N, C-alpha and C. Protein backbone atom coordinates (compact mmCIF):
# COMPACT_ATOMS: atom_id res chain seq x y z
N MET A 1 -35.36 157.74 241.58
CA MET A 1 -35.18 158.18 240.21
C MET A 1 -36.47 158.82 239.74
N LYS A 2 -36.37 160.05 239.29
CA LYS A 2 -37.55 160.76 238.80
C LYS A 2 -37.44 160.93 237.30
N ILE A 3 -38.55 160.76 236.65
CA ILE A 3 -38.60 160.91 235.20
C ILE A 3 -39.24 162.25 234.89
N GLY A 4 -38.54 163.06 234.11
CA GLY A 4 -39.05 164.37 233.73
C GLY A 4 -39.89 164.29 232.46
N ILE A 5 -40.38 165.43 232.02
CA ILE A 5 -41.23 165.51 230.82
C ILE A 5 -40.46 165.06 229.58
N GLN A 6 -39.22 165.49 229.46
CA GLN A 6 -38.44 165.14 228.27
C GLN A 6 -38.21 163.63 228.19
N GLU A 7 -37.88 163.00 229.32
CA GLU A 7 -37.66 161.56 229.31
C GLU A 7 -38.95 160.82 228.99
N LEU A 8 -40.06 161.30 229.50
CA LEU A 8 -41.36 160.66 229.24
C LEU A 8 -41.72 160.74 227.76
N ILE A 9 -41.44 161.87 227.14
CA ILE A 9 -41.71 162.02 225.71
C ILE A 9 -40.86 161.05 224.91
N VAL A 10 -39.60 160.90 225.26
CA VAL A 10 -38.72 159.96 224.57
C VAL A 10 -39.22 158.54 224.73
N ILE A 11 -39.67 158.17 225.92
CA ILE A 11 -40.18 156.82 226.17
C ILE A 11 -41.43 156.56 225.33
N VAL A 12 -42.34 157.53 225.26
CA VAL A 12 -43.56 157.37 224.48
C VAL A 12 -43.23 157.21 223.00
N ILE A 13 -42.31 158.00 222.49
CA ILE A 13 -41.93 157.91 221.07
C ILE A 13 -41.31 156.55 220.77
N VAL A 14 -40.42 156.07 221.62
CA VAL A 14 -39.78 154.76 221.43
C VAL A 14 -40.83 153.66 221.53
N ALA A 15 -41.76 153.78 222.46
CA ALA A 15 -42.81 152.78 222.62
C ALA A 15 -43.72 152.74 221.40
N MET A 16 -44.04 153.90 220.83
CA MET A 16 -44.90 153.95 219.64
C MET A 16 -44.20 153.29 218.45
N ILE A 17 -42.89 153.46 218.39
CA ILE A 17 -42.15 152.87 217.26
C ILE A 17 -42.11 151.35 217.39
N PHE A 18 -41.81 150.81 218.59
CA PHE A 18 -41.65 149.37 218.74
C PHE A 18 -42.97 148.64 218.96
N ILE A 19 -43.90 149.22 219.70
CA ILE A 19 -45.15 148.55 220.02
C ILE A 19 -46.22 148.86 218.97
N GLY A 20 -46.27 150.07 218.58
CA GLY A 20 -47.30 150.50 217.64
C GLY A 20 -48.36 151.28 218.36
N PRO A 21 -48.97 152.24 217.66
CA PRO A 21 -49.97 153.10 218.30
C PRO A 21 -51.25 152.36 218.71
N ASP A 22 -51.60 151.25 218.07
CA ASP A 22 -52.84 150.57 218.40
C ASP A 22 -52.73 149.77 219.70
N LYS A 23 -51.56 149.20 220.05
CA LYS A 23 -51.39 148.40 221.27
C LYS A 23 -50.80 149.21 222.43
N LEU A 24 -50.42 150.45 222.20
CA LEU A 24 -49.79 151.27 223.24
C LEU A 24 -50.70 151.50 224.44
N PRO A 25 -52.00 151.83 224.29
CA PRO A 25 -52.85 152.01 225.49
C PRO A 25 -52.96 150.74 226.34
N GLU A 26 -53.01 149.59 225.68
CA GLU A 26 -53.11 148.33 226.43
C GLU A 26 -51.84 148.09 227.26
N TYR A 27 -50.69 148.32 226.69
CA TYR A 27 -49.43 148.16 227.41
C TYR A 27 -49.28 149.21 228.52
N ALA A 28 -49.77 150.41 228.28
CA ALA A 28 -49.70 151.46 229.30
C ALA A 28 -50.54 151.08 230.52
N ARG A 29 -51.74 150.52 230.28
CA ARG A 29 -52.58 150.07 231.41
C ARG A 29 -51.89 148.96 232.19
N THR A 30 -51.30 148.02 231.48
CA THR A 30 -50.61 146.91 232.15
C THR A 30 -49.42 147.44 232.96
N ALA A 31 -48.67 148.36 232.38
CA ALA A 31 -47.54 148.95 233.11
C ALA A 31 -48.03 149.72 234.33
N GLY A 32 -49.14 150.42 234.23
CA GLY A 32 -49.72 151.15 235.37
C GLY A 32 -50.12 150.21 236.49
N LYS A 33 -50.73 149.06 236.13
CA LYS A 33 -51.11 148.07 237.15
C LYS A 33 -49.86 147.54 237.87
N TRP A 34 -48.83 147.24 237.10
CA TRP A 34 -47.60 146.74 237.70
C TRP A 34 -46.99 147.76 238.65
N LEU A 35 -46.99 149.03 238.25
CA LEU A 35 -46.43 150.08 239.10
C LEU A 35 -47.24 150.24 240.39
N ARG A 36 -48.60 150.16 240.27
CA ARG A 36 -49.43 150.25 241.48
C ARG A 36 -49.16 149.09 242.43
N GLN A 37 -49.04 147.87 241.88
CA GLN A 37 -48.74 146.70 242.71
C GLN A 37 -47.36 146.85 243.37
N LEU A 38 -46.39 147.30 242.59
CA LEU A 38 -45.05 147.49 243.13
C LEU A 38 -45.06 148.52 244.25
N ARG A 39 -45.79 149.61 244.07
CA ARG A 39 -45.89 150.64 245.11
C ARG A 39 -46.56 150.08 246.37
N SER A 40 -47.62 149.28 246.20
CA SER A 40 -48.30 148.73 247.38
C SER A 40 -47.38 147.75 248.10
N TYR A 41 -46.60 146.95 247.37
CA TYR A 41 -45.65 146.04 248.00
C TYR A 41 -44.58 146.80 248.78
N THR A 42 -44.06 147.85 248.20
CA THR A 42 -43.03 148.61 248.91
C THR A 42 -43.60 149.33 250.12
N ASP A 43 -44.82 149.85 250.01
CA ASP A 43 -45.45 150.49 251.17
C ASP A 43 -45.66 149.50 252.31
N THR A 44 -46.12 148.29 251.96
CA THR A 44 -46.33 147.25 252.97
C THR A 44 -45.00 146.86 253.62
N ALA A 45 -43.97 146.69 252.81
CA ALA A 45 -42.66 146.33 253.35
C ALA A 45 -42.13 147.43 254.26
N THR A 46 -42.33 148.68 253.87
CA THR A 46 -41.87 149.81 254.69
C THR A 46 -42.59 149.82 256.03
N LYS A 47 -43.89 149.60 256.03
CA LYS A 47 -44.66 149.57 257.28
C LYS A 47 -44.18 148.45 258.19
N GLU A 48 -43.91 147.26 257.61
CA GLU A 48 -43.45 146.13 258.42
C GLU A 48 -42.08 146.40 259.02
N VAL A 49 -41.21 147.01 258.25
CA VAL A 49 -39.87 147.33 258.76
C VAL A 49 -39.99 148.34 259.90
N LYS A 50 -40.86 149.34 259.75
CA LYS A 50 -41.05 150.32 260.83
C LYS A 50 -41.62 149.67 262.08
N GLU A 51 -42.54 148.72 261.91
CA GLU A 51 -43.11 148.03 263.06
C GLU A 51 -42.04 147.23 263.81
N ILE A 52 -41.07 146.73 263.09
CA ILE A 52 -40.00 145.95 263.71
C ILE A 52 -38.97 146.87 264.37
N THR A 53 -38.64 147.98 263.71
CA THR A 53 -37.57 148.83 264.22
C THR A 53 -38.00 149.75 265.35
N GLU A 54 -39.25 150.12 265.44
CA GLU A 54 -39.70 151.01 266.52
C GLU A 54 -39.43 150.42 267.91
N PRO A 55 -39.81 149.16 268.18
CA PRO A 55 -39.47 148.60 269.51
C PRO A 55 -37.97 148.54 269.76
N LEU A 56 -37.20 148.30 268.70
CA LEU A 56 -35.74 148.26 268.87
C LEU A 56 -35.21 149.64 269.26
N LYS A 57 -35.76 150.68 268.67
CA LYS A 57 -35.34 152.04 269.02
C LYS A 57 -35.69 152.34 270.47
N GLU A 58 -36.88 151.90 270.90
CA GLU A 58 -37.29 152.13 272.29
C GLU A 58 -36.38 151.39 273.26
N MET A 59 -35.88 150.23 272.85
CA MET A 59 -35.00 149.47 273.73
C MET A 59 -33.60 150.07 273.77
N THR A 60 -33.15 150.68 272.67
CA THR A 60 -31.80 151.21 272.63
C THR A 60 -31.67 152.57 273.32
N GLU A 61 -32.76 153.32 273.46
CA GLU A 61 -32.68 154.64 274.11
C GLU A 61 -32.17 154.54 275.55
N PRO A 62 -32.70 153.64 276.40
CA PRO A 62 -32.12 153.54 277.75
C PRO A 62 -30.66 153.11 277.74
N LEU A 63 -30.30 152.26 276.79
CA LEU A 63 -28.90 151.85 276.70
C LEU A 63 -28.01 153.03 276.34
N LYS A 64 -28.47 153.90 275.48
CA LYS A 64 -27.70 155.09 275.14
C LYS A 64 -27.54 155.99 276.36
N GLU A 65 -28.61 156.13 277.14
CA GLU A 65 -28.54 156.95 278.35
C GLU A 65 -27.51 156.38 279.33
N ILE A 66 -27.39 155.07 279.37
CA ILE A 66 -26.43 154.44 280.27
C ILE A 66 -25.01 154.60 279.73
N THR A 67 -24.84 154.43 278.43
CA THR A 67 -23.49 154.43 277.86
C THR A 67 -22.92 155.82 277.66
N ASP A 68 -23.75 156.86 277.57
CA ASP A 68 -23.23 158.21 277.36
C ASP A 68 -22.27 158.64 278.47
N PRO A 69 -22.63 158.50 279.77
CA PRO A 69 -21.66 158.87 280.80
C PRO A 69 -20.39 158.00 280.77
N LEU A 70 -20.57 156.71 280.44
CA LEU A 70 -19.41 155.83 280.36
C LEU A 70 -18.49 156.26 279.22
N ASN A 71 -19.07 156.66 278.11
CA ASN A 71 -18.26 157.14 276.99
C ASN A 71 -17.53 158.42 277.36
N ALA A 72 -18.18 159.30 278.12
CA ALA A 72 -17.52 160.53 278.56
C ALA A 72 -16.34 160.21 279.48
N ILE A 73 -16.53 159.26 280.39
CA ILE A 73 -15.45 158.84 281.28
C ILE A 73 -14.31 158.23 280.48
N LYS A 74 -14.67 157.40 279.51
CA LYS A 74 -13.65 156.77 278.66
C LYS A 74 -12.85 157.83 277.92
N LYS A 75 -13.53 158.86 277.42
CA LYS A 75 -12.84 159.93 276.71
C LYS A 75 -11.89 160.67 277.65
N ASP A 76 -12.35 160.96 278.87
CA ASP A 76 -11.49 161.63 279.85
C ASP A 76 -10.25 160.79 280.17
N ILE A 77 -10.46 159.50 280.36
CA ILE A 77 -9.33 158.62 280.68
C ILE A 77 -8.37 158.55 279.50
N THR A 78 -8.91 158.45 278.29
CA THR A 78 -8.06 158.40 277.10
C THR A 78 -7.25 159.68 276.97
N ASP A 79 -7.90 160.83 277.21
CA ASP A 79 -7.18 162.11 277.15
C ASP A 79 -6.08 162.16 278.21
N SER A 80 -6.38 161.71 279.42
CA SER A 80 -5.38 161.72 280.48
C SER A 80 -4.21 160.81 280.15
N VAL A 81 -4.51 159.63 279.62
CA VAL A 81 -3.44 158.70 279.25
C VAL A 81 -2.58 159.30 278.15
N SER A 82 -3.20 159.95 277.18
CA SER A 82 -2.41 160.55 276.10
C SER A 82 -1.55 161.70 276.64
N ASP A 83 -2.08 162.48 277.59
CA ASP A 83 -1.28 163.55 278.20
C ASP A 83 -0.08 162.98 278.95
N VAL A 84 -0.31 161.92 279.72
CA VAL A 84 0.77 161.30 280.47
C VAL A 84 1.81 160.71 279.50
N THR A 85 1.33 160.08 278.44
CA THR A 85 2.24 159.50 277.44
C THR A 85 3.07 160.59 276.79
N LYS A 86 2.45 161.72 276.47
CA LYS A 86 3.20 162.83 275.88
C LYS A 86 4.24 163.34 276.87
N SER A 87 3.86 163.44 278.14
CA SER A 87 4.80 163.92 279.15
C SER A 87 5.98 162.97 279.29
N ILE A 88 5.69 161.69 279.32
CA ILE A 88 6.76 160.70 279.46
C ILE A 88 7.66 160.72 278.23
N ASP A 89 7.05 160.83 277.06
CA ASP A 89 7.84 160.86 275.82
C ASP A 89 8.70 162.11 275.73
N SER A 90 8.24 163.20 276.35
CA SER A 90 9.00 164.45 276.23
C SER A 90 10.13 164.56 277.26
N ILE A 91 10.23 163.61 278.18
CA ILE A 91 11.31 163.65 279.17
C ILE A 91 12.64 163.46 278.45
N GLY A 92 13.57 164.37 278.68
CA GLY A 92 14.88 164.29 278.09
C GLY A 92 14.96 164.90 276.70
N LYS A 93 13.86 165.33 276.16
CA LYS A 93 13.86 165.96 274.84
C LYS A 93 13.78 167.46 275.01
N ALA A 94 14.30 168.16 274.04
CA ALA A 94 14.22 169.62 274.06
C ALA A 94 12.77 170.01 273.78
N PRO A 95 12.24 170.99 274.52
CA PRO A 95 10.85 171.39 274.30
C PRO A 95 10.68 172.00 272.91
N SER A 96 9.50 171.79 272.34
CA SER A 96 9.22 172.34 271.02
C SER A 96 8.97 173.84 271.14
N LYS A 97 8.90 174.49 270.00
CA LYS A 97 8.70 175.94 270.00
C LYS A 97 7.35 176.31 270.60
N THR A 98 6.33 175.51 270.34
CA THR A 98 5.02 175.82 270.92
C THR A 98 5.04 175.67 272.43
N GLU A 99 5.72 174.64 272.92
CA GLU A 99 5.82 174.47 274.37
C GLU A 99 6.60 175.61 275.00
N GLN A 100 7.67 176.05 274.33
CA GLN A 100 8.45 177.17 274.83
C GLN A 100 7.59 178.44 274.86
N ALA A 101 6.77 178.63 273.84
CA ALA A 101 5.91 179.81 273.79
C ALA A 101 4.88 179.76 274.91
N LYS A 102 4.31 178.58 275.16
CA LYS A 102 3.34 178.43 276.24
C LYS A 102 3.99 178.72 277.59
N LYS A 103 5.21 178.20 277.77
CA LYS A 103 5.92 178.42 279.03
C LYS A 103 6.24 179.90 279.22
N ALA A 104 6.66 180.56 278.14
CA ALA A 104 6.97 181.99 278.22
C ALA A 104 5.70 182.78 278.55
N ALA A 105 4.59 182.40 277.97
CA ALA A 105 3.33 183.09 278.26
C ALA A 105 2.94 182.89 279.72
N ALA A 106 3.14 181.68 280.23
CA ALA A 106 2.84 181.41 281.64
C ALA A 106 3.75 182.22 282.55
N ASP A 107 5.02 182.34 282.20
CA ASP A 107 5.96 183.13 283.00
C ASP A 107 5.57 184.60 282.99
N GLU A 108 5.13 185.10 281.85
CA GLU A 108 4.71 186.50 281.77
C GLU A 108 3.50 186.76 282.66
N GLU A 109 2.58 185.81 282.68
CA GLU A 109 1.40 185.97 283.51
C GLU A 109 1.80 186.05 284.98
N VAL A 110 2.74 185.22 285.39
CA VAL A 110 3.19 185.22 286.77
C VAL A 110 3.84 186.56 287.12
N VAL A 111 4.65 187.09 286.21
CA VAL A 111 5.30 188.38 286.44
C VAL A 111 4.25 189.45 286.61
N GLU A 112 3.23 189.43 285.78
CA GLU A 112 2.18 190.43 285.88
C GLU A 112 1.47 190.32 287.23
N LEU A 113 1.22 189.10 287.67
CA LEU A 113 0.55 188.92 288.95
C LEU A 113 1.42 189.42 290.09
N GLU A 114 2.72 189.19 290.01
CA GLU A 114 3.60 189.66 291.06
C GLU A 114 3.62 191.17 291.11
N GLU A 115 3.62 191.82 289.94
CA GLU A 115 3.62 193.27 289.90
C GLU A 115 2.34 193.83 290.50
N VAL A 116 1.24 193.17 290.24
CA VAL A 116 -0.03 193.62 290.79
C VAL A 116 -0.08 193.34 292.28
N ALA A 117 0.51 192.24 292.72
CA ALA A 117 0.46 191.85 294.12
C ALA A 117 1.32 192.75 295.00
N GLN A 118 2.43 193.30 294.49
CA GLN A 118 3.31 194.13 295.31
C GLN A 118 2.61 195.39 295.80
N PRO A 119 1.93 196.17 294.96
CA PRO A 119 1.24 197.34 295.51
C PRO A 119 0.17 196.96 296.53
N ALA A 120 -0.48 195.84 296.30
CA ALA A 120 -1.50 195.42 297.26
C ALA A 120 -0.84 195.09 298.59
N ALA A 121 0.35 194.46 298.56
CA ALA A 121 1.05 194.13 299.80
C ALA A 121 1.49 195.40 300.51
N GLU A 122 1.96 196.38 299.73
CA GLU A 122 2.36 197.65 300.33
C GLU A 122 1.16 198.35 300.96
N GLN A 123 0.02 198.29 300.29
CA GLN A 123 -1.19 198.91 300.84
C GLN A 123 -1.61 198.21 302.12
N SER A 124 -1.49 196.89 302.13
CA SER A 124 -1.90 196.18 303.35
C SER A 124 -0.92 196.49 304.49
N ALA A 125 0.37 196.67 304.18
CA ALA A 125 1.34 197.04 305.21
C ALA A 125 1.03 198.44 305.73
N ASP A 126 0.68 199.37 304.82
CA ASP A 126 0.30 200.71 305.24
C ASP A 126 -0.95 200.67 306.10
N ALA A 127 -1.89 199.83 305.73
CA ALA A 127 -3.13 199.72 306.49
C ALA A 127 -2.85 199.15 307.87
N ALA A 128 -1.94 198.16 307.95
CA ALA A 128 -1.60 197.58 309.25
C ALA A 128 -0.91 198.62 310.13
N ALA A 129 -0.03 199.43 309.54
CA ALA A 129 0.65 200.48 310.31
C ALA A 129 -0.36 201.50 310.81
N ALA A 130 -1.33 201.84 309.98
CA ALA A 130 -2.36 202.81 310.39
C ALA A 130 -3.19 202.25 311.53
N ILE A 131 -3.52 200.95 311.44
CA ILE A 131 -4.31 200.33 312.51
C ILE A 131 -3.50 200.32 313.80
N ASP A 132 -2.21 200.02 313.73
CA ASP A 132 -1.36 200.03 314.91
C ASP A 132 -1.29 201.44 315.51
N ALA A 133 -1.19 202.43 314.63
CA ALA A 133 -1.12 203.82 315.11
C ALA A 133 -2.40 204.19 315.82
N ILE A 134 -3.53 203.77 315.25
CA ILE A 134 -4.82 204.07 315.89
C ILE A 134 -4.92 203.35 317.22
N GLY A 135 -4.47 202.09 317.22
CA GLY A 135 -4.52 201.32 318.47
C GLY A 135 -3.64 201.95 319.54
N THR A 136 -2.44 202.44 319.18
CA THR A 136 -1.55 203.06 320.16
C THR A 136 -2.13 204.37 320.63
N ALA A 137 -2.73 205.10 319.73
CA ALA A 137 -3.32 206.38 320.13
C ALA A 137 -4.49 206.13 321.06
N ALA A 138 -5.23 205.09 320.84
CA ALA A 138 -6.37 204.79 321.70
C ALA A 138 -5.89 204.27 323.04
N ASP A 139 -4.78 203.57 323.09
CA ASP A 139 -4.26 203.04 324.34
C ASP A 139 -3.63 204.13 325.21
N ALA A 140 -3.07 205.16 324.62
CA ALA A 140 -2.38 206.21 325.38
C ALA A 140 -3.32 206.92 326.35
N PRO A 141 -4.51 207.38 325.98
CA PRO A 141 -5.38 208.02 326.96
C PRO A 141 -5.83 207.05 328.04
N ALA A 142 -6.03 205.80 327.69
CA ALA A 142 -6.47 204.83 328.68
C ALA A 142 -5.36 204.61 329.69
N ALA A 143 -4.11 204.60 329.27
CA ALA A 143 -2.99 204.42 330.19
C ALA A 143 -2.87 205.64 331.10
N GLU A 144 -3.09 206.86 330.62
CA GLU A 144 -3.04 208.04 331.46
C GLU A 144 -4.14 208.03 332.51
N ASP A 145 -5.33 207.54 332.11
CA ASP A 145 -6.42 207.45 333.06
C ASP A 145 -6.09 206.45 334.18
N LYS A 146 -5.41 205.39 333.86
CA LYS A 146 -5.04 204.39 334.86
C LYS A 146 -4.00 204.97 335.82
N LYS A 147 -3.07 205.79 335.30
CA LYS A 147 -2.05 206.39 336.16
C LYS A 147 -2.70 207.35 337.14
N GLU A 148 -3.64 208.14 336.69
CA GLU A 148 -4.32 209.10 337.56
C GLU A 148 -5.14 208.39 338.61
N ALA A 149 -5.74 207.25 338.23
CA ALA A 149 -6.56 206.53 339.17
C ALA A 149 -5.72 205.89 340.27
N THR A 150 -4.53 205.48 339.95
CA THR A 150 -3.67 204.86 340.95
C THR A 150 -3.03 205.89 341.85
N VAL A 151 -2.91 207.13 341.45
CA VAL A 151 -2.24 208.15 342.25
C VAL A 151 -3.12 208.64 343.29
């Protein structure tokens, strides 16, 4: 809580009315001493709490390093179980519109792959025929040479 200038002025005016202008400096000094003591107590308490919590933080860091992979595995298992549960629950039920859309998209992808694969298959068949033609052409002169050698 922060006190602004306006609030401070209101406090001083109220204090002057109830305490009186002659005793106000004495009360202000007393209030200042109390605030300084309160601040020193809170600073000391804060330091002691930090001294206690720092070793605890150092001890928990290795535990976090150990538990992080286990938590990741737990999440994977939970996701897998939920997927299996959804699959089991969906047996015998009509697929939802989103599932139908996903299935249609998957079917379209397969069709596209088949269309792309057919020209590649035709090219490989053409390439195989060309290799066979080259092989037969290369074998023909060798066979003629063998016939001449035997004659």
